[in-house]
Amino acid sequence: MSINGMLTILMYALAPFRWLLIMGLIIIIALHLLTYRRGYKITHHRSRLTNLLALLIGLTAILWIPWLTHSTLGYVATVFDWIALLGAAAATSVMAFIILHPLSYLISFQDKE
């Protein structure tokens, strides 16, 4: 199957959830705009708790992603399946960091005032 064919199938699979993806993206962008207006810079703000929580969410994703897709870890048998599962867990961890890091800044920013 070509890349173009795979992307076509992916677009048809995501079509019913397009509005949820757009709403999530709007919320994340609004969160980042709010924090940047208050002086947030991703390289200057450090939060070990945020890093730990994002890592834990990513690690637990290995357990709940198969459940979410109505599958089990027993069906993750091939190398490609494990790569896909680990990629989904890594993406979950990154998304958790993208959401939690600005939120931790807003919480610490309110404590300073």
Protein backbone atom coordinates (compact mmCIF):
# COMPACT_ATOMS: atom_id res chain seq x y z
CA MET A 1 0.00 0.00 0.00
CA SER A 2 1.32 3.43 -0.85
CA ILE A 3 1.74 6.32 1.56
CA ASN A 4 -1.01 8.16 -0.26
CA GLY A 5 -3.38 5.23 0.26
CA MET A 6 -2.55 5.06 3.98
CA LEU A 7 -3.13 8.79 4.39
CA THR A 8 -6.47 8.50 2.61
CA ILE A 9 -7.59 5.74 4.99
CA LEU A 10 -6.38 7.80 7.95
CA MET A 11 -8.33 10.87 6.83
CA TYR A 12 -11.53 8.82 6.45
CA ALA A 13 -10.99 7.29 9.90
CA LEU A 14 -10.44 10.70 11.52
CA ALA A 15 -13.30 12.48 9.72
CA PRO A 16 -15.95 11.83 12.42
CA PHE A 17 -13.60 13.14 15.10
CA ARG A 18 -12.40 16.21 13.24
CA TRP A 19 -14.46 18.59 15.39
CA LEU A 20 -12.99 17.09 18.59
CA LEU A 21 -9.46 17.45 17.25
CA ILE A 22 -10.09 21.06 16.25
CA MET A 23 -11.61 21.89 19.66
CA GLY A 24 -8.65 20.30 21.46
CA LEU A 25 -6.23 22.24 19.30
CA ILE A 26 -8.08 25.50 20.01
CA ILE A 27 -7.96 24.82 23.76
CA ILE A 28 -4.22 24.04 23.68
CA ILE A 29 -3.46 27.16 21.61
CA ALA A 30 -5.59 29.32 23.94
CA LEU A 31 -3.77 27.89 26.97
CA HIS A 32 -0.38 28.66 25.44
CA LEU A 33 -1.43 32.16 24.37
CA LEU A 34 -2.67 32.91 27.89
CA THR A 35 0.54 31.71 29.48
CA TYR A 36 2.79 33.48 26.97
CA ARG A 37 0.95 36.74 27.69
CA ARG A 38 1.86 36.23 31.35
CA GLY A 39 5.55 35.72 30.60
CA TYR A 40 5.78 31.96 30.08
CA LYS A 41 8.79 30.64 28.19
CA ILE A 42 9.16 26.90 27.88
CA THR A 43 12.93 27.02 28.34
CA HIS A 44 12.85 29.24 31.46
CA HIS A 45 10.14 27.50 33.47
CA ARG A 46 11.19 24.28 35.21
CA SER A 47 8.75 21.90 36.83
CA ARG A 48 9.93 18.46 37.87
CA LEU A 49 6.40 17.46 38.82
CA THR A 50 5.18 18.23 35.31
CA ASN A 51 7.99 16.18 33.78
CA LEU A 52 7.26 13.27 36.11
CA LEU A 53 3.51 13.40 35.47
CA ALA A 54 3.99 13.52 31.70
CA LEU A 55 6.33 10.53 31.88
CA LEU A 56 3.91 8.57 34.08
CA ILE A 57 0.99 9.34 31.78
CA GLY A 58 3.06 8.13 28.83
CA LEU A 59 4.06 4.93 30.61
CA THR A 60 0.52 4.16 31.72
CA ALA A 61 -0.62 4.74 28.14
CA ILE A 62 1.02 1.42 27.28
CA LEU A 63 -1.69 -0.20 29.41
CA TRP A 64 -4.75 1.88 28.53
CA ILE A 65 -4.24 2.46 24.79
CA PRO A 66 -5.00 -1.20 23.95
CA TRP A 67 -8.07 -1.01 26.22
CA LEU A 68 -9.17 2.20 24.45
CA THR A 69 -8.91 0.47 21.06
CA HIS A 70 -10.85 -2.59 22.33
CA SER A 71 -7.75 -4.76 22.28
CA THR A 72 -5.37 -6.35 24.79
CA LEU A 73 -1.62 -6.41 25.26
CA GLY A 74 -1.74 -10.06 24.17
CA TYR A 75 -2.53 -8.92 20.63
CA VAL A 76 0.62 -6.77 20.51
CA ALA A 77 2.76 -9.52 19.04
CA THR A 78 4.86 -8.21 16.18
CA VAL A 79 7.66 -5.66 16.21
CA PHE A 80 5.49 -3.25 14.22
CA ASP A 81 2.73 -3.52 16.86
CA TRP A 82 5.19 -2.71 19.65
CA ILE A 83 6.63 0.22 17.69
CA ALA A 84 3.12 1.58 17.12
CA LEU A 85 2.22 1.16 20.80
CA LEU A 86 5.44 2.80 22.00
CA GLY A 87 4.96 5.62 19.48
CA ALA A 88 1.43 6.21 20.75
CA ALA A 89 2.71 6.20 24.35
CA ALA A 90 5.47 8.68 23.46
CA ALA A 91 2.96 10.94 21.70
CA THR A 92 0.69 10.76 24.76
CA SER A 93 3.60 11.75 26.97
CA VAL A 94 4.47 14.72 24.75
CA MET A 95 0.85 15.88 24.64
CA ALA A 96 0.62 15.61 28.43
CA PHE A 97 3.76 17.74 28.73
CA ILE A 98 2.42 20.31 26.25
CA ILE A 99 -0.73 20.67 28.36
CA LEU A 100 0.65 20.32 31.89
CA HIS A 101 3.75 22.51 31.59
CA PRO A 102 1.88 25.80 30.90
CA LEU A 103 -0.71 24.87 33.52
CA SER A 104 2.04 24.44 36.12
CA TYR A 105 3.35 27.88 35.16
CA LEU A 106 -0.10 29.43 35.62
CA ILE A 107 -0.42 27.81 39.05
CA SER A 108 3.03 28.98 40.14
CA PHE A 109 2.38 32.43 38.60
CA GLN A 110 -0.75 32.83 40.73
CA ASP A 111 1.20 31.79 43.86
CA LYS A 112 3.73 34.60 43.21
CA GLU A 113 1.09 37.31 43.08
